[in-house]
Amino acid sequence: MTPQDQKKRKTAEAAIEYIKDARVIGVGTGSTVNHFIDCLIDFKIDIEGAVSSSEGTTQRLKEAGISVLDLNDVDEIKVYIDGADEVDPHKQLIKGGGGALTREKIIADACSQFVCIVDESKMVDTLGAFPLPIEVIPMSRSYVARQVMSRFGGQPEWRENFITDNGNQIIDIHNLDITDPIALEKAINDIPGVITVGLFAIKPADIILIASDNEIKVM
């Protein structure tokens, strides 16, 4: 296991403490979350099931013997565990590097507590060094890209040959200096054709677990 994977495993293990009383949990997408799914097996966590944020996570959960539940059939998600591509000091996030941002945002909004698990490399003072993903209806891709570039700056790039689990496309916006994440999230979401933007600022994470070489920091 690489040093980076060791940090991911440590923060995934730390997240187990937050789900021990949960009947149903939400599970995100990405390499750190994959370690968390492994921890569910290793620690023999007894839950009724999980609501999944992507087809990839669904497959991994099923292979681990964990029931995958439809959000429509669930009254409450006590805890949602997911990673992030960037985290600022206000617990605001950029997510969507893996393309699951829309389902991730739905589950994050539906849960009682969002626990974000990252290693220290994801921590930034200002969001935007990581390209900001926007999921769009395919016919609106070029229009949305022009609107974002003219109104907010940055360089839009179509994530070619990638289709989301919802059948849509993604634009990644490079070189944005996001000084007001909440305002930007609202403004981009208001552009016709946008499904959602990978800013989690209006509703940020509740808890951030940050792994370094020597410790887990809770923020």
Protein backbone atom coordinates (compact mmCIF):
# COMPACT_ATOMS: atom_id res chain seq x y z
CA MET A 1 0.00 0.00 0.00
CA THR A 2 1.41 3.39 -0.99
CA PRO A 3 1.77 6.19 1.60
CA GLN A 4 -1.19 7.94 -0.07
CA ASP A 5 -3.30 4.81 0.19
CA GLN A 6 -2.31 4.43 3.83
CA LYS A 7 -3.68 7.90 4.55
CA LYS A 8 -6.90 7.08 2.70
CA ARG A 9 -7.26 3.90 4.71
CA LYS A 10 -6.70 5.79 7.98
CA THR A 11 -9.39 8.36 7.28
CA ALA A 12 -11.75 5.62 6.09
CA GLU A 13 -11.22 3.75 9.36
CA ALA A 14 -11.90 6.95 11.32
CA ALA A 15 -15.25 7.33 9.52
CA ILE A 16 -16.44 3.99 10.91
CA GLU A 17 -17.00 5.65 14.30
CA TYR A 18 -19.66 7.90 12.76
CA ILE A 19 -21.86 5.11 11.38
CA LYS A 20 -22.02 2.62 14.24
CA ASP A 21 -25.56 3.60 15.23
CA ALA A 22 -26.82 4.08 11.69
CA ARG A 23 -29.42 1.82 10.12
CA VAL A 24 -28.93 3.19 6.59
CA ILE A 25 -25.90 5.09 5.34
CA GLY A 26 -25.03 6.95 2.16
CA VAL A 27 -21.86 5.96 0.36
CA GLY A 28 -20.04 8.19 -2.11
CA THR A 29 -17.63 7.48 -4.93
CA GLY A 30 -13.87 7.42 -5.34
CA SER A 31 -10.67 5.79 -4.16
CA THR A 32 -10.97 6.91 -0.53
CA VAL A 33 -14.56 5.66 -0.41
CA ASN A 34 -13.38 2.33 -1.77
CA HIS A 35 -11.21 2.02 1.34
CA PHE A 36 -14.27 2.85 3.44
CA ILE A 37 -16.24 0.03 1.79
CA ASP A 38 -13.36 -2.32 2.60
CA CYS A 39 -13.58 -1.13 6.22
CA LEU A 40 -17.29 -1.99 6.34
CA ILE A 41 -16.26 -5.58 5.66
CA ASP A 42 -13.16 -5.65 7.87
CA PHE A 43 -14.94 -4.14 10.87
CA LYS A 44 -18.08 -6.27 10.27
CA ILE A 45 -20.38 -3.26 10.42
CA ASP A 46 -24.03 -4.29 10.72
CA ILE A 47 -26.28 -1.98 8.69
CA GLU A 48 -29.55 -2.51 6.91
CA GLY A 49 -28.13 -1.15 3.69
CA ALA A 50 -26.59 1.75 1.84
CA VAL A 51 -27.73 4.34 -0.68
CA SER A 52 -25.11 4.56 -3.40
CA SER A 53 -23.96 7.60 -5.35
CA SER A 54 -22.78 5.77 -8.49
CA GLU A 55 -23.03 2.57 -10.46
CA GLY A 56 -19.39 1.82 -9.61
CA THR A 57 -20.05 2.13 -5.88
CA THR A 58 -23.21 0.06 -6.21
CA GLN A 59 -21.25 -2.78 -7.77
CA ARG A 60 -18.56 -2.59 -5.11
CA LEU A 61 -21.12 -2.59 -2.29
CA LYS A 62 -22.93 -5.59 -3.75
CA GLU A 63 -19.66 -7.47 -4.12
CA ALA A 64 -19.05 -6.76 -0.43
CA GLY A 65 -22.43 -8.27 0.44
CA ILE A 66 -24.01 -4.94 1.43
CA SER A 67 -27.60 -4.28 0.36
CA VAL A 68 -28.00 -1.28 -1.93
CA LEU A 69 -31.20 0.68 -1.29
CA ASP A 70 -33.09 3.11 -3.53
CA LEU A 71 -33.28 6.60 -2.04
CA ASN A 72 -37.02 6.63 -2.83
CA ASP A 73 -37.49 3.72 -0.43
CA VAL A 74 -35.51 5.23 2.45
CA ASP A 75 -37.00 7.50 5.11
CA GLU A 76 -33.68 8.64 6.59
CA ILE A 77 -29.98 8.52 5.80
CA LYS A 78 -28.27 9.15 9.08
CA VAL A 79 -24.73 9.56 7.73
CA TYR A 80 -23.24 10.06 4.28
CA ILE A 81 -19.57 9.19 3.79
CA ASP A 82 -17.76 10.60 0.77
CA GLY A 83 -14.47 12.11 -0.31
CA ALA A 84 -13.68 15.37 -2.10
CA ASP A 85 -11.33 16.78 -4.69
CA GLU A 86 -10.78 19.99 -2.73
CA VAL A 87 -11.77 21.22 0.75
CA ASP A 88 -11.54 24.81 2.00
CA PRO A 89 -11.40 26.06 5.62
CA HIS A 90 -15.20 26.49 5.65
CA LYS A 91 -15.81 22.79 4.83
CA GLN A 92 -16.91 23.79 1.33
CA LEU A 93 -15.93 21.33 -1.37
CA ILE A 94 -15.25 20.68 -5.01
CA LYS A 95 -16.46 17.23 -5.98
CA GLY A 96 -17.08 15.44 -9.24
CA GLY A 97 -13.67 14.32 -10.43
CA GLY A 98 -15.16 10.85 -10.80
CA GLY A 99 -18.28 12.19 -12.49
CA ALA A 100 -20.83 11.29 -9.80
CA LEU A 101 -21.46 14.84 -8.57
CA THR A 102 -25.23 14.94 -9.12
CA ARG A 103 -26.07 11.79 -7.19
CA GLU A 104 -23.49 12.75 -4.57
CA LYS A 105 -25.16 16.12 -4.08
CA ILE A 106 -28.62 14.55 -3.81
CA ILE A 107 -27.51 12.12 -1.11
CA ALA A 108 -25.50 14.78 0.72
CA ASP A 109 -28.61 16.95 0.86
CA ALA A 110 -30.81 14.06 1.98
CA CYS A 111 -28.57 12.92 4.83
CA SER A 112 -28.59 14.04 8.45
CA GLN A 113 -24.79 14.29 8.59
CA PHE A 114 -22.22 14.49 5.79
CA VAL A 115 -18.81 13.19 6.83
CA CYS A 116 -16.12 13.96 4.26
CA ILE A 117 -12.98 11.82 4.32
CA VAL A 118 -9.78 13.17 2.73
CA ASP A 119 -6.04 13.24 3.09
CA GLU A 120 -4.18 16.49 3.73
CA SER A 121 -3.37 17.00 0.03
CA LYS A 122 -7.03 17.93 -0.59
CA MET A 123 -6.95 20.93 1.75
CA VAL A 124 -6.75 24.37 0.10
CA ASP A 125 -7.19 27.99 1.18
CA THR A 126 -9.32 28.85 -1.88
CA LEU A 127 -11.24 26.43 -4.09
CA GLY A 128 -10.55 26.30 -7.81
CA ALA A 129 -7.14 24.78 -8.48
CA PHE A 130 -8.97 21.52 -9.16
CA PRO A 131 -11.10 21.88 -12.32
CA LEU A 132 -14.74 22.54 -11.38
CA PRO A 133 -17.06 19.89 -12.89
CA ILE A 134 -20.49 20.79 -14.23
CA GLU A 135 -22.93 18.09 -15.33
CA VAL A 136 -24.99 19.29 -18.29
CA ILE A 137 -27.71 18.07 -20.62
CA PRO A 138 -25.77 17.15 -23.79
CA MET A 139 -27.47 19.67 -26.11
CA SER A 140 -26.54 22.52 -23.73
CA ARG A 141 -22.84 21.71 -23.40
CA SER A 142 -21.40 24.43 -25.63
CA TYR A 143 -23.93 27.03 -24.49
CA VAL A 144 -23.17 26.40 -20.81
CA ALA A 145 -19.43 26.53 -21.48
CA ARG A 146 -19.77 29.93 -23.19
CA GLN A 147 -21.95 31.28 -20.41
CA VAL A 148 -19.53 30.19 -17.69
CA MET A 149 -16.50 31.57 -19.51
CA SER A 150 -18.10 34.95 -20.26
CA ARG A 151 -19.61 35.41 -16.80
CA PHE A 152 -17.09 33.84 -14.44
CA GLY A 153 -13.87 33.29 -16.38
CA GLY A 154 -11.93 30.07 -16.45
CA GLN A 155 -11.33 27.71 -19.35
CA PRO A 156 -14.12 25.16 -19.98
CA GLU A 157 -13.07 21.74 -21.22
CA TRP A 158 -15.49 19.05 -22.36
CA ARG A 159 -14.76 15.71 -20.67
CA GLU A 160 -14.83 13.81 -23.93
CA ASN A 161 -15.86 10.16 -24.13
CA PHE A 162 -17.41 10.34 -20.65
CA ILE A 163 -21.11 9.87 -19.95
CA THR A 164 -22.45 10.19 -16.42
CA ASP A 165 -24.61 7.52 -14.79
CA ASN A 166 -27.51 9.87 -15.57
CA GLY A 167 -26.75 9.91 -19.32
CA ASN A 168 -25.34 13.43 -19.34
CA GLN A 169 -22.01 15.11 -20.10
CA ILE A 170 -19.48 17.01 -18.00
CA ILE A 171 -17.63 20.26 -18.54
CA ASP A 172 -14.56 20.88 -16.36
CA ILE A 173 -13.76 24.54 -15.71
CA HIS A 174 -10.04 25.18 -15.26
CA ASN A 175 -8.28 28.13 -13.64
CA LEU A 176 -11.15 29.47 -11.55
CA ASP A 177 -10.38 31.46 -8.41
CA ILE A 178 -13.51 30.76 -6.38
CA THR A 179 -13.71 33.55 -3.81
CA ASP A 180 -17.47 33.23 -3.17
CA PRO A 181 -18.39 29.54 -3.55
CA ILE A 182 -22.02 29.95 -2.47
CA ALA A 183 -22.76 32.72 -4.98
CA LEU A 184 -20.99 30.83 -7.76
CA GLU A 185 -22.86 27.61 -7.00
CA LYS A 186 -26.19 29.42 -7.20
CA ALA A 187 -25.28 31.28 -10.39
CA ILE A 188 -24.04 28.24 -12.31
CA ASN A 189 -27.01 26.14 -11.22
CA ASP A 190 -29.29 28.83 -12.68
CA ILE A 191 -27.88 28.45 -16.21
CA PRO A 192 -30.37 26.50 -18.36
CA GLY A 193 -29.01 23.07 -19.21
CA VAL A 194 -26.98 22.67 -16.04
CA ILE A 195 -27.92 19.60 -14.01
CA THR A 196 -25.63 20.51 -11.14
CA VAL A 197 -22.22 21.96 -10.42
CA GLY A 198 -19.59 20.24 -8.30
CA LEU A 199 -19.50 22.98 -5.68
CA PHE A 200 -20.75 21.82 -2.27
CA ALA A 201 -20.95 25.23 -0.64
CA ILE A 202 -24.62 26.02 -0.06
CA LYS A 203 -24.65 22.85 2.00
CA PRO A 204 -21.04 22.04 2.91
CA ALA A 205 -19.82 18.97 4.73
CA ASP A 206 -20.67 18.75 8.42
CA ILE A 207 -17.44 17.04 9.43
CA ILE A 208 -14.11 16.72 7.63
CA LEU A 209 -11.75 13.89 8.60
CA ILE A 210 -8.25 14.74 7.37
CA ALA A 211 -5.48 12.14 7.34
CA SER A 212 -1.82 13.13 7.60
CA ASP A 213 1.19 10.91 8.19
CA ASN A 214 0.76 11.03 11.94
CA GLU A 215 -2.86 11.78 12.82
CA ILE A 216 -6.49 12.22 11.86
CA LYS A 217 -7.63 15.80 12.24
CA VAL A 218 -11.35 16.49 12.71
CA MET A 219 -12.68 19.73 11.30
